[in-house]
Amino acid sequence: MRVELSDEARRLVALFEDEAGVTVRDCVVDEDHEQVVYMVKRGQMADAIGPGGQTVERVEEAIGRDVKLVEAAETAADFVANALAPAAVYNVTVSENGDTVAYVEVAQADRGAAIGSDGRNIDAARTLAKRHFGIDDIELT
């Protein structure tokens, strides 16, 4: 699926790619939660984070918002699991009965991490999963 980015998102992608030296596949500017979510190319997560999280910290300071990173994946199930990190995801089942819904098994102790403060993590996961895999919703089980 082709993703159209706003001018601000394109600017933020360029800033992050220059700072981290990685390829950003998508960017979601979440005004409600004052965060920017970058989807980085598979295999580049360590470089995107930087030693001790330094790259993320520098970008957060530069843009004045929290940064969340999500690693791209080849399958919808793997992508949803990546998008809900740091929560431990045990299983993802994608059902296509009318709407396409990803049902995610998460440990009870990790539900808060999967959802995030004010729903910021699951909202970002839903947005990216819709854009890249046509998933209409993500539900935790």
Protein backbone atom coordinates (compact mmCIF):
# COMPACT_ATOMS: atom_id res chain seq x y z
CA MET A 1 0.00 0.00 0.00
CA ARG A 2 1.22 3.47 -0.84
CA VAL A 3 1.37 5.92 2.06
CA GLU A 4 1.05 9.67 1.57
CA LEU A 5 2.99 11.67 4.14
CA SER A 6 2.32 15.26 5.16
CA ASP A 7 5.05 17.86 4.72
CA GLU A 8 5.70 17.74 8.46
CA ALA A 9 6.00 13.94 8.42
CA ARG A 10 8.44 14.08 5.50
CA ARG A 11 10.53 16.65 7.37
CA LEU A 12 10.55 14.44 10.48
CA VAL A 13 11.52 11.38 8.42
CA ALA A 14 14.47 13.25 6.91
CA LEU A 15 15.58 14.44 10.34
CA PHE A 16 15.46 10.91 11.80
CA GLU A 17 17.16 9.28 8.81
CA ASP A 18 19.97 11.85 8.97
CA GLU A 19 20.41 11.39 12.71
CA ALA A 20 20.18 7.58 12.81
CA GLY A 21 21.44 6.55 9.39
CA VAL A 22 18.49 4.19 8.89
CA THR A 23 15.64 3.89 6.40
CA VAL A 24 12.24 5.05 7.68
CA ARG A 25 9.32 3.33 5.92
CA ASP A 26 6.54 5.43 7.49
CA CYS A 27 5.95 8.18 10.02
CA VAL A 28 2.85 8.97 12.06
CA VAL A 29 2.66 12.38 13.71
CA ASP A 30 0.31 11.86 16.65
CA GLU A 31 -0.76 15.31 17.83
CA ASP A 32 -3.17 13.90 20.44
CA HIS A 33 -0.40 12.06 22.28
CA GLU A 34 2.45 14.43 21.38
CA GLN A 35 4.52 11.69 19.81
CA VAL A 36 6.04 10.72 16.50
CA VAL A 37 6.05 7.08 15.46
CA TYR A 38 8.70 5.96 12.99
CA MET A 39 8.49 2.63 11.20
CA VAL A 40 12.05 1.58 10.42
CA LYS A 41 13.27 -0.97 7.91
CA ARG A 42 13.63 -4.53 9.16
CA GLY A 43 17.00 -5.20 10.73
CA GLN A 44 17.75 -1.56 11.48
CA MET A 45 16.13 -1.20 14.90
CA ALA A 46 19.39 -1.26 16.87
CA ASP A 47 20.86 1.51 14.71
CA ALA A 48 17.63 3.50 15.01
CA ILE A 49 17.73 3.32 18.81
CA GLY A 50 21.44 4.03 19.03
CA PRO A 51 23.83 3.14 21.86
CA GLY A 52 21.95 3.41 25.14
CA GLY A 53 19.02 5.02 23.32
CA GLN A 54 21.07 8.09 22.44
CA THR A 55 19.71 8.50 18.92
CA VAL A 56 16.11 8.48 20.11
CA GLU A 57 16.94 10.93 22.90
CA ARG A 58 18.61 13.37 20.48
CA VAL A 59 15.64 13.26 18.10
CA GLU A 60 13.16 13.71 20.98
CA GLU A 61 15.06 16.80 22.10
CA ALA A 62 15.21 18.17 18.56
CA ILE A 63 11.49 17.78 17.86
CA GLY A 64 10.12 18.29 21.39
CA ARG A 65 7.99 15.13 21.29
CA ASP A 66 8.24 11.53 22.35
CA VAL A 67 9.51 9.09 19.72
CA LYS A 68 8.25 5.52 19.29
CA LEU A 69 9.97 3.11 16.94
CA VAL A 70 8.32 0.18 15.19
CA GLU A 71 10.25 -2.34 13.11
CA ALA A 72 8.76 -3.27 9.74
CA ALA A 73 7.83 -6.92 9.14
CA GLU A 74 6.84 -9.12 6.22
CA THR A 75 3.60 -10.45 7.71
CA ALA A 76 0.71 -8.67 9.37
CA ALA A 77 1.00 -10.83 12.49
CA ASP A 78 4.70 -10.10 12.93
CA PHE A 79 4.11 -6.42 12.30
CA VAL A 80 1.36 -6.16 14.92
CA ALA A 81 3.62 -7.88 17.46
CA ASN A 82 6.43 -5.42 16.66
CA ALA A 83 4.06 -2.45 16.87
CA LEU A 84 2.91 -3.41 20.36
CA ALA A 85 6.44 -3.75 21.76
CA PRO A 86 7.63 -3.62 24.50
CA ALA A 87 4.65 -5.78 25.46
CA ALA A 88 5.28 -9.52 25.27
CA VAL A 89 2.99 -10.75 22.49
CA TYR A 90 2.35 -14.50 22.52
CA ASN A 91 0.23 -14.88 19.42
CA VAL A 92 -1.45 -12.79 16.73
CA THR A 93 -4.37 -14.14 14.72
CA VAL A 94 -5.66 -12.14 11.78
CA SER A 95 -9.33 -12.76 11.00
CA GLU A 96 -10.99 -11.62 7.79
CA ASN A 97 -14.70 -12.04 8.52
CA GLY A 98 -15.95 -8.77 7.05
CA ASP A 99 -13.50 -6.42 8.73
CA THR A 100 -9.90 -7.53 9.07
CA VAL A 101 -9.10 -7.76 12.78
CA ALA A 102 -5.87 -8.76 14.48
CA TYR A 103 -6.53 -10.59 17.76
CA VAL A 104 -3.46 -10.33 19.97
CA GLU A 105 -2.64 -12.52 22.97
CA VAL A 106 -0.74 -10.45 25.50
CA ALA A 107 0.20 -11.37 29.05
CA GLN A 108 -2.06 -9.69 31.59
CA ALA A 109 0.98 -7.95 33.08
CA ASP A 110 1.80 -6.43 29.67
CA ARG A 111 -1.65 -5.13 28.73
CA GLY A 112 -0.76 -1.66 29.98
CA ALA A 113 2.41 -1.60 27.88
CA ALA A 114 0.50 -2.76 24.79
CA ILE A 115 -2.15 -0.08 25.24
CA GLY A 116 0.18 2.69 26.40
CA SER A 117 -0.62 5.89 28.20
CA ASP A 118 -3.99 7.19 26.97
CA GLY A 119 -3.98 4.43 24.32
CA ARG A 120 -1.00 5.88 22.46
CA ASN A 121 0.71 2.53 21.67
CA ILE A 122 -2.33 0.66 20.42
CA ASP A 123 -3.53 3.71 18.47
CA ALA A 124 -0.18 3.92 16.66
CA ALA A 125 -0.23 0.16 16.01
CA ARG A 126 -3.75 0.42 14.56
CA THR A 127 -2.80 3.32 12.28
CA LEU A 128 0.30 1.61 10.90
CA ALA A 129 -1.37 -1.83 10.58
CA LYS A 130 -4.20 -0.23 8.60
CA ARG A 131 -1.79 1.61 6.29
CA HIS A 132 0.49 -1.32 5.56
CA PHE A 133 -1.62 -4.45 5.94
CA GLY A 134 -5.24 -3.33 5.62
CA ILE A 135 -6.04 -4.32 9.23
CA ASP A 136 -9.17 -2.54 10.41
CA ASP A 137 -8.71 -3.11 14.15
CA ILE A 138 -6.42 -4.64 16.77
CA GLU A 139 -8.00 -6.29 19.80
CA LEU A 140 -6.16 -7.59 22.83
CA THR A 141 -7.25 -10.99 24.18
